[in-house]
Amino acid sequence: MSIHIVDEQLVHRIERIARRERREEVDVIAEALELYEEKAEETGARSFLLSVAGIGRSEERDVSERDEEILANEVDPLRGWSPGDRS
């Protein structure tokens, strides 16, 4: 397998670490992946995208068609979007 890294800053970081530690770039990357996996397993971390998936889920099917109506009903005319009691 061949991987091409297009982010030049990342490439330079990998090269700098490899030179400093007198190691091959592939070894630097492999160790970084191992550390990442260990950390993720320890903390039970999930990817950010997976953790926010479905956060805006609604049973209403026409939300995008009624967005302005919904927003108008939700905002307080005097306080705006401030949290708390709206009475």
PDB file of N, CA and C in Angstrom:
ATOM      1  N   MET A   1       0.851  -1.174   0.000  1.00  0.00           N
ATOM      2  CA  MET A   1       0.000   0.000   0.000  1.00  0.00           C
ATOM      3  C   MET A   1       0.896   1.236   0.000  1.00  0.00           C
ATOM      4  N   SER A   2       0.473   2.214  -0.745  1.00  0.00           N
ATOM      5  CA  SER A   2       1.219   3.459  -0.821  1.00  0.00           C
ATOM      6  C   SER A   2       0.302   4.604  -0.408  1.00  0.00           C
ATOM      7  N   ILE A   3       0.784   5.436   0.495  1.00  0.00           N
ATOM      8  CA  ILE A   3      -0.006   6.575   0.966  1.00  0.00           C
ATOM      9  C   ILE A   3       0.744   7.847   0.618  1.00  0.00           C
ATOM     10  N   HIS A   4       0.026   8.804   0.053  1.00  0.00           N
ATOM     11  CA  HIS A   4       0.617  10.089  -0.312  1.00  0.00           C
ATOM     12  C   HIS A   4       0.006  11.164   0.583  1.00  0.00           C
ATOM     13  N   ILE A   5       0.841  11.884   1.313  1.00  0.00           N
ATOM     14  CA  ILE A   5       0.364  12.945   2.203  1.00  0.00           C
ATOM     15  C   ILE A   5       0.483  14.267   1.460  1.00  0.00           C
ATOM     16  N   VAL A   6      -0.648  14.924   1.255  1.00  0.00           N
ATOM     17  CA  VAL A   6      -0.652  16.172   0.490  1.00  0.00           C
ATOM     18  C   VAL A   6      -0.436  17.402   1.364  1.00  0.00           C
ATOM     19  N   ASP A   7      -0.625  17.281   2.657  1.00  0.00           N
ATOM     20  CA  ASP A   7      -0.433  18.400   3.579  1.00  0.00           C
ATOM     21  C   ASP A   7       1.070  18.585   3.811  1.00  0.00           C
ATOM     22  N   GLU A   8       1.638  19.600   3.175  1.00  0.00           N
ATOM     23  CA  GLU A   8       3.088  19.823   3.243  1.00  0.00           C
ATOM     24  C   GLU A   8       3.574  20.092   4.668  1.00  0.00           C
ATOM     25  N   GLN A   9       2.782  20.799   5.452  1.00  0.00           N
ATOM     26  CA  GLN A   9       3.183  21.070   6.836  1.00  0.00           C
ATOM     27  C   GLN A   9       3.280  19.779   7.635  1.00  0.00           C
ATOM     28  N   LEU A  10       2.345  18.876   7.406  1.00  0.00           N
ATOM     29  CA  LEU A  10       2.381  17.588   8.087  1.00  0.00           C
ATOM     30  C   LEU A  10       3.603  16.781   7.657  1.00  0.00           C
ATOM     31  N   VAL A  11       3.901  16.809   6.377  1.00  0.00           N
ATOM     32  CA  VAL A  11       5.083  16.108   5.865  1.00  0.00           C
ATOM     33  C   VAL A  11       6.337  16.653   6.535  1.00  0.00           C
ATOM     34  N   HIS A  12       6.438  17.975   6.636  1.00  0.00           N
ATOM     35  CA  HIS A  12       7.617  18.585   7.265  1.00  0.00           C
ATOM     36  C   HIS A  12       7.716  18.216   8.746  1.00  0.00           C
ATOM     37  N   ARG A  13       6.586  18.142   9.413  1.00  0.00           N
ATOM     38  CA  ARG A  13       6.594  17.741  10.831  1.00  0.00           C
ATOM     39  C   ARG A  13       7.105  16.315  10.981  1.00  0.00           C
ATOM     40  N   ILE A  14       6.621  15.433  10.129  1.00  0.00           N
ATOM     41  CA  ILE A  14       7.059  14.031  10.176  1.00  0.00           C
ATOM     42  C   ILE A  14       8.557  13.946   9.898  1.00  0.00           C
ATOM     43  N   GLU A  15       9.011  14.653   8.876  1.00  0.00           N
ATOM     44  CA  GLU A  15      10.440  14.644   8.530  1.00  0.00           C
ATOM     45  C   GLU A  15      11.292  15.203   9.666  1.00  0.00           C
ATOM     46  N   ARG A  16      10.827  16.285  10.283  1.00  0.00           N
ATOM     47  CA  ARG A  16      11.582  16.908  11.379  1.00  0.00           C
ATOM     48  C   ARG A  16      11.716  15.947  12.565  1.00  0.00           C
ATOM     49  N   ILE A  17      10.621  15.286  12.917  1.00  0.00           N
ATOM     50  CA  ILE A  17      10.664  14.327  14.027  1.00  0.00           C
ATOM     51  C   ILE A  17      11.584  13.163  13.683  1.00  0.00           C
ATOM     52  N   ALA A  18      11.479  12.670  12.460  1.00  0.00           N
ATOM     53  CA  ALA A  18      12.316  11.539  12.036  1.00  0.00           C
ATOM     54  C   ALA A  18      13.802  11.910  12.093  1.00  0.00           C
ATOM     55  N   ARG A  19      14.151  13.107  11.632  1.00  0.00           N
ATOM     56  CA  ARG A  19      15.556  13.545  11.691  1.00  0.00           C
ATOM     57  C   ARG A  19      16.025  13.666  13.139  1.00  0.00           C
ATOM     58  N   ARG A  20      15.196  14.311  13.955  1.00  0.00           N
ATOM     59  CA  ARG A  20      15.567  14.534  15.354  1.00  0.00           C
ATOM     60  C   ARG A  20      15.791  13.217  16.089  1.00  0.00           C
ATOM     61  N   GLU A  21      14.947  12.232  15.797  1.00  0.00           N
ATOM     62  CA  GLU A  21      15.032  10.949  16.495  1.00  0.00           C
ATOM     63  C   GLU A  21      15.830   9.904  15.722  1.00  0.00           C
ATOM     64  N   ARG A  22      16.366  10.320  14.566  1.00  0.00           N
ATOM     65  CA  ARG A  22      17.151   9.419  13.704  1.00  0.00           C
ATOM     66  C   ARG A  22      16.381   8.134  13.412  1.00  0.00           C
ATOM     67  N   ARG A  23      15.169   8.335  12.908  1.00  0.00           N
ATOM     68  CA  ARG A  23      14.289   7.214  12.573  1.00  0.00           C
ATOM     69  C   ARG A  23      13.737   7.420  11.173  1.00  0.00           C
ATOM     70  N   GLU A  24      13.138   6.392  10.633  1.00  0.00           N
ATOM     71  CA  GLU A  24      12.470   6.489   9.338  1.00  0.00           C
ATOM     72  C   GLU A  24      11.105   7.153   9.530  1.00  0.00           C
ATOM     73  N   GLU A  25      10.671   7.894   8.505  1.00  0.00           N
ATOM     74  CA  GLU A  25       9.366   8.558   8.573  1.00  0.00           C
ATOM     75  C   GLU A  25       8.242   7.560   8.838  1.00  0.00           C
ATOM     76  N   VAL A  26       8.310   6.401   8.192  1.00  0.00           N
ATOM     77  CA  VAL A  26       7.263   5.391   8.353  1.00  0.00           C
ATOM     78  C   VAL A  26       7.175   4.926   9.806  1.00  0.00           C
ATOM     79  N   ASP A  27       8.304   4.873  10.497  1.00  0.00           N
ATOM     80  CA  ASP A  27       8.294   4.463  11.901  1.00  0.00           C
ATOM     81  C   ASP A  27       7.660   5.535  12.788  1.00  0.00           C
ATOM     82  N   VAL A  28       7.901   6.793  12.449  1.00  0.00           N
ATOM     83  CA  VAL A  28       7.286   7.898  13.193  1.00  0.00           C
ATOM     84  C   VAL A  28       5.766   7.831  13.048  1.00  0.00           C
ATOM     85  N   ILE A  29       5.305   7.613  11.832  1.00  0.00           N
ATOM     86  CA  ILE A  29       3.864   7.532  11.573  1.00  0.00           C
ATOM     87  C   ILE A  29       3.261   6.320  12.276  1.00  0.00           C
ATOM     88  N   ALA A  30       3.943   5.182  12.202  1.00  0.00           N
ATOM     89  CA  ALA A  30       3.433   3.960  12.833  1.00  0.00           C
ATOM     90  C   ALA A  30       3.296   4.142  14.343  1.00  0.00           C
ATOM     91  N   GLU A  31       4.292   4.760  14.967  1.00  0.00           N
ATOM     92  CA  GLU A  31       4.215   4.975  16.414  1.00  0.00           C
ATOM     93  C   GLU A  31       3.092   5.946  16.765  1.00  0.00           C
ATOM     94  N   ALA A  32       2.923   6.973  15.951  1.00  0.00           N
ATOM     95  CA  ALA A  32       1.843   7.935  16.196  1.00  0.00           C
ATOM     96  C   ALA A  32       0.483   7.243  16.134  1.00  0.00           C
ATOM     97  N   LEU A  33       0.311   6.345  15.179  1.00  0.00           N
ATOM     98  CA  LEU A  33      -0.948   5.609  15.074  1.00  0.00           C
ATOM     99  C   LEU A  33      -1.161   4.691  16.273  1.00  0.00           C
ATOM    100  N   GLU A  34      -0.100   4.043  16.712  1.00  0.00           N
ATOM    101  CA  GLU A  34      -0.212   3.175  17.885  1.00  0.00           C
ATOM    102  C   GLU A  34      -0.628   3.975  19.113  1.00  0.00           C
ATOM    103  N   LEU A  35       0.020   5.129  19.315  1.00  0.00           N
ATOM    104  CA  LEU A  35      -0.325   5.977  20.456  1.00  0.00           C
ATOM    105  C   LEU A  35      -1.764   6.474  20.362  1.00  0.00           C
ATOM    106  N   TYR A  36      -2.185   6.836  19.164  1.00  0.00           N
ATOM    107  CA  TYR A  36      -3.553   7.302  18.949  1.00  0.00           C
ATOM    108  C   TYR A  36      -4.556   6.204  19.306  1.00  0.00           C
ATOM    109  N   GLU A  37      -4.305   4.994  18.814  1.00  0.00           N
ATOM    110  CA  GLU A  37      -5.220   3.885  19.099  1.00  0.00           C
ATOM    111  C   GLU A  37      -5.271   3.564  20.589  1.00  0.00           C
ATOM    112  N   GLU A  38      -4.117   3.577  21.249  1.00  0.00           N
ATOM    113  CA  GLU A  38      -4.083   3.308  22.688  1.00  0.00           C
ATOM    114  C   GLU A  38      -4.901   4.351  23.444  1.00  0.00           C
ATOM    115  N   LYS A  39      -4.701   5.606  23.101  1.00  0.00           N
ATOM    116  CA  LYS A  39      -5.416   6.699  23.764  1.00  0.00           C
ATOM    117  C   LYS A  39      -6.924   6.569  23.537  1.00  0.00           C
ATOM    118  N   ALA A  40      -7.312   6.259  22.307  1.00  0.00           N
ATOM    119  CA  ALA A  40      -8.734   6.117  21.991  1.00  0.00           C
ATOM    120  C   ALA A  40      -9.350   4.957  22.760  1.00  0.00           C
ATOM    121  N   GLU A  41      -8.626   3.867  22.887  1.00  0.00           N
ATOM    122  CA  GLU A  41      -9.139   2.712  23.628  1.00  0.00           C
ATOM    123  C   GLU A  41      -9.245   3.016  25.118  1.00  0.00           C
ATOM    124  N   GLU A  42      -8.259   3.730  25.657  1.00  0.00           N
ATOM    125  CA  GLU A  42      -8.271   4.076  27.085  1.00  0.00           C
ATOM    126  C   GLU A  42      -9.453   4.968  27.437  1.00  0.00           C
ATOM    127  N   THR A  43      -9.713   5.934  26.597  1.00  0.00           N
ATOM    128  CA  THR A  43     -10.753   6.913  26.905  1.00  0.00           C
ATOM    129  C   THR A  43     -12.113   6.526  26.349  1.00  0.00           C
ATOM    130  N   GLY A  44     -12.148   5.489  25.527  1.00  0.00           N
ATOM    131  CA  GLY A  44     -13.402   5.120  24.890  1.00  0.00           C
ATOM    132  C   GLY A  44     -13.831   6.174  23.890  1.00  0.00           C
ATOM    133  N   ALA A  45     -12.866   6.920  23.382  1.00  0.00           N
ATOM    134  CA  ALA A  45     -13.165   8.024  22.474  1.00  0.00           C
ATOM    135  C   ALA A  45     -13.700   7.513  21.145  1.00  0.00           C
ATOM    136  N   ARG A  46     -14.635   8.281  20.614  1.00  0.00           N
ATOM    137  CA  ARG A  46     -15.153   8.016  19.276  1.00  0.00           C
ATOM    138  C   ARG A  46     -14.834   9.225  18.429  1.00  0.00           C
ATOM    139  N   SER A  47     -14.911   9.055  17.153  1.00  0.00           N
ATOM    140  CA  SER A  47     -14.627  10.193  16.295  1.00  0.00           C
ATOM    141  C   SER A  47     -15.668  11.282  16.526  1.00  0.00           C
ATOM    142  N   PHE A  48     -15.268  12.510  16.329  1.00  0.00           N
ATOM    143  CA  PHE A  48     -16.161  13.642  16.534  1.00  0.00           C
ATOM    144  C   PHE A  48     -17.416  13.518  15.681  1.00  0.00           C
ATOM    145  N   LEU A  49     -17.242  13.163  14.426  1.00  0.00           N
ATOM    146  CA  LEU A  49     -18.398  13.069  13.538  1.00  0.00           C
ATOM    147  C   LEU A  49     -19.386  12.012  14.012  1.00  0.00           C
ATOM    148  N   LEU A  50     -18.877  10.887  14.486  1.00  0.00           N
ATOM    149  CA  LEU A  50     -19.783   9.860  14.997  1.00  0.00           C
ATOM    150  C   LEU A  50     -20.479  10.319  16.271  1.00  0.00           C
ATOM    151  N   SER A  51     -19.795  11.108  17.081  1.00  0.00           N
ATOM    152  CA  SER A  51     -20.391  11.532  18.344  1.00  0.00           C
ATOM    153  C   SER A  51     -21.500  12.563  18.146  1.00  0.00           C
ATOM    154  N   VAL A  52     -21.477  13.308  17.046  1.00  0.00           N
ATOM    155  CA  VAL A  52     -22.520  14.311  16.816  1.00  0.00           C
ATOM    156  C   VAL A  52     -23.562  13.856  15.801  1.00  0.00           C
ATOM    157  N   ALA A  53     -23.386  12.675  15.252  1.00  0.00           N
ATOM    158  CA  ALA A  53     -24.343  12.178  14.262  1.00  0.00           C
ATOM    159  C   ALA A  53     -25.730  12.085  14.883  1.00  0.00           C
ATOM    160  N   GLY A  54     -26.694  12.613  14.204  1.00  0.00           N
ATOM    161  CA  GLY A  54     -28.072  12.530  14.660  1.00  0.00           C
ATOM    162  C   GLY A  54     -28.458  13.535  15.718  1.00  0.00           C
ATOM    163  N   ILE A  55     -27.579  14.472  16.040  1.00  0.00           N
ATOM    164  CA  ILE A  55     -27.862  15.419  17.115  1.00  0.00           C
ATOM    165  C   ILE A  55     -29.067  16.309  16.794  1.00  0.00           C
ATOM    166  N   GLY A  56     -29.317  16.546  15.526  1.00  0.00           N
ATOM    167  CA  GLY A  56     -30.451  17.383  15.146  1.00  0.00           C
ATOM    168  C   GLY A  56     -31.645  16.595  14.652  1.00  0.00           C
ATOM    169  N   ARG A  57     -31.676  15.322  14.980  1.00  0.00           N
ATOM    170  CA  ARG A  57     -32.751  14.449  14.508  1.00  0.00           C
ATOM    171  C   ARG A  57     -34.101  14.924  15.036  1.00  0.00           C
ATOM    172  N   SER A  58     -35.083  14.836  14.183  1.00  0.00           N
ATOM    173  CA  SER A  58     -36.433  15.250  14.551  1.00  0.00           C
ATOM    174  C   SER A  58     -37.429  14.296  13.919  1.00  0.00           C
ATOM    175  N   GLU A  59     -38.532  14.110  14.594  1.00  0.00           N
ATOM    176  CA  GLU A  59     -39.599  13.282  14.036  1.00  0.00           C
ATOM    177  C   GLU A  59     -40.384  14.045  12.971  1.00  0.00           C
ATOM    178  N   GLU A  60     -40.227  15.364  12.980  1.00  0.00           N
ATOM    179  CA  GLU A  60     -40.924  16.177  11.990  1.00  0.00           C
ATOM    180  C   GLU A  60     -40.205  16.063  10.653  1.00  0.00           C
ATOM    181  N   ARG A  61     -40.951  15.814   9.595  1.00  0.00           N
ATOM    182  CA  ARG A  61     -40.354  15.590   8.281  1.00  0.00           C
ATOM    183  C   ARG A  61     -40.232  16.863   7.444  1.00  0.00           C
ATOM    184  N   ASP A  62     -40.934  17.925   7.815  1.00  0.00           N
ATOM    185  CA  ASP A  62     -40.957  19.117   6.972  1.00  0.00           C
ATOM    186  C   ASP A  62     -40.213  20.301   7.596  1.00  0.00           C
ATOM    187  N   VAL A  63     -39.243  20.030   8.445  1.00  0.00           N
ATOM    188  CA  VAL A  63     -38.531  21.096   9.153  1.00  0.00           C
ATOM    189  C   VAL A  63     -37.871  22.066   8.178  1.00  0.00           C
ATOM    190  N   SER A  64     -37.234  21.564   7.151  1.00  0.00           N
ATOM    191  CA  SER A  64     -36.543  22.455   6.218  1.00  0.00           C
ATOM    192  C   SER A  64     -37.515  23.341   5.450  1.00  0.00           C
ATOM    193  N   GLU A  65     -38.734  22.893   5.302  1.00  0.00           N
ATOM    194  CA  GLU A  65     -39.732  23.691   4.592  1.00  0.00           C
ATOM    195  C   GLU A  65     -40.373  24.732   5.507  1.00  0.00           C
ATOM    196  N   ARG A  66     -40.331  24.481   6.827  1.00  0.00           N
ATOM    197  CA  ARG A  66     -40.980  25.384   7.782  1.00  0.00           C
ATOM    198  C   ARG A  66     -39.972  26.091   8.682  1.00  0.00           C
ATOM    199  N   ASP A  67     -38.712  26.187   8.270  1.00  0.00           N
ATOM    200  CA  ASP A  67     -37.664  26.707   9.142  1.00  0.00           C
ATOM    201  C   ASP A  67     -37.960  28.103   9.676  1.00  0.00           C
ATOM    202  N   GLU A  68     -38.422  29.007   8.838  1.00  0.00           N
ATOM    203  CA  GLU A  68     -38.685  30.366   9.303  1.00  0.00           C
ATOM    204  C   GLU A  68     -39.855  30.410  10.283  1.00  0.00           C
ATOM    205  N   GLU A  69     -40.868  29.623  10.028  1.00  0.00           N
ATOM    206  CA  GLU A  69     -42.017  29.550  10.942  1.00  0.00           C
ATOM    207  C   GLU A  69     -41.579  29.013  12.307  1.00  0.00           C
ATOM    208  N   ILE A  70     -40.774  27.961  12.295  1.00  0.00           N
ATOM    209  CA  ILE A  70     -40.300  27.355  13.541  1.00  0.00           C
ATOM    210  C   ILE A  70     -39.450  28.352  14.322  1.00  0.00           C
ATOM    211  N   LEU A  71     -38.525  29.020  13.645  1.00  0.00           N
ATOM    212  CA  LEU A  71     -37.667  29.993  14.321  1.00  0.00           C
ATOM    213  C   LEU A  71     -38.474  31.154  14.882  1.00  0.00           C
ATOM    214  N   ALA A  72     -39.438  31.638  14.128  1.00  0.00           N
ATOM    215  CA  ALA A  72     -40.264  32.753  14.594  1.00  0.00           C
ATOM    216  C   ALA A  72     -41.032  32.374  15.853  1.00  0.00           C
ATOM    217  N   ASN A  73     -41.467  31.132  15.948  1.00  0.00           N
ATOM    218  CA  ASN A  73     -42.210  30.680  17.123  1.00  0.00           C
ATOM    219  C   ASN A  73     -41.308  30.431  18.326  1.00  0.00           C
ATOM    220  N   GLU A  74     -40.036  30.172  18.100  1.00  0.00           N
ATOM    221  CA  GLU A  74     -39.114  29.834  19.182  1.00  0.00           C
ATOM    222  C   GLU A  74     -38.421  31.047  19.800  1.00  0.00           C
ATOM    223  N   VAL A  75     -38.230  32.106  19.063  1.00  0.00           N
ATOM    224  CA  VAL A  75     -37.487  33.264  19.560  1.00  0.00           C
ATOM    225  C   VAL A  75     -38.397  34.173  20.381  1.00  0.00           C
ATOM    226  N   ASP A  76     -37.878  34.664  21.477  1.00  0.00           N
ATOM    227  CA  ASP A  76     -38.605  35.623  22.305  1.00  0.00           C
ATOM    228  C   ASP A  76     -38.438  36.997  21.667  1.00  0.00           C
ATOM    229  N   PRO A  77     -39.526  37.724  21.403  1.00  0.00           N
ATOM    230  CA  PRO A  77     -39.414  39.007  20.711  1.00  0.00           C
ATOM    231  C   PRO A  77     -38.594  40.048  21.477  1.00  0.00           C
ATOM    232  N   LEU A  78     -38.520  39.940  22.803  1.00  0.00           N
ATOM    233  CA  LEU A  78     -37.770  40.913  23.592  1.00  0.00           C
ATOM    234  C   LEU A  78     -36.375  40.424  23.967  1.00  0.00           C
ATOM    235  N   ARG A  79     -36.260  39.159  24.324  1.00  0.00           N
ATOM    236  CA  ARG A  79     -34.988  38.620  24.815  1.00  0.00           C
ATOM    237  C   ARG A  79     -34.195  37.863  23.759  1.00  0.00           C
ATOM    238  N   GLY A  80     -34.761  37.626  22.615  1.00  0.00           N
ATOM    239  CA  GLY A  80     -34.061  36.879  21.571  1.00  0.00           C
ATOM    240  C   GLY A  80     -33.945  35.414  21.927  1.00  0.00           C
ATOM    241  N   TRP A  81     -32.744  34.869  21.811  1.00  0.00           N
ATOM    242  CA  TRP A  81     -32.513  33.444  22.030  1.00  0.00           C
ATOM    243  C   TRP A  81     -32.001  33.137  23.424  1.00  0.00           C
ATOM    244  N   SER A  82     -32.143  34.041  24.362  1.00  0.00           N
ATOM    245  CA  SER A  82     -31.602  33.803  25.695  1.00  0.00           C
ATOM    246  C   SER A  82     -32.281  32.608  26.349  1.00  0.00           C
ATOM    247  N   PRO A  83     -31.485  31.771  27.024  1.00  0.00           N
ATOM    248  CA  PRO A  83     -32.055  30.595  27.687  1.00  0.00           C
ATOM    249  C   PRO A  83     -32.826  30.997  28.936  1.00  0.00           C
ATOM    250  N   GLY A  84     -33.582  30.081  29.421  1.00  0.00           N
ATOM    251  CA  GLY A  84     -34.291  30.327  30.673  1.00  0.00           C
ATOM    252  C   GLY A  84     -35.773  30.526  30.464  1.00  0.00           C
ATOM    253  N   ASP A  85     -36.411  31.054  31.479  1.00  0.00           N
ATOM    254  CA  ASP A  85     -37.860  31.240  31.467  1.00  0.00           C
ATOM    255  C   ASP A  85     -38.254  32.308  30.464  1.00  0.00           C
ATOM    256  N   ARG A  86     -39.217  31.994  29.633  1.00  0.00           N
ATOM    257  CA  ARG A  86     -39.672  32.948  28.616  1.00  0.00           C
ATOM    258  C   ARG A  86     -41.057  33.483  28.927  1.00  0.00           C
ATOM    259  N   SER A  87     -41.480  33.364  30.142  1.00  0.00           N
ATOM    260  CA  SER A  87     -42.828  33.834  30.482  1.00  0.00           C
ATOM    261  C   SER A  87     -42.846  35.312  30.770  1.00  0.00           C
TER     262      SER A  87
END
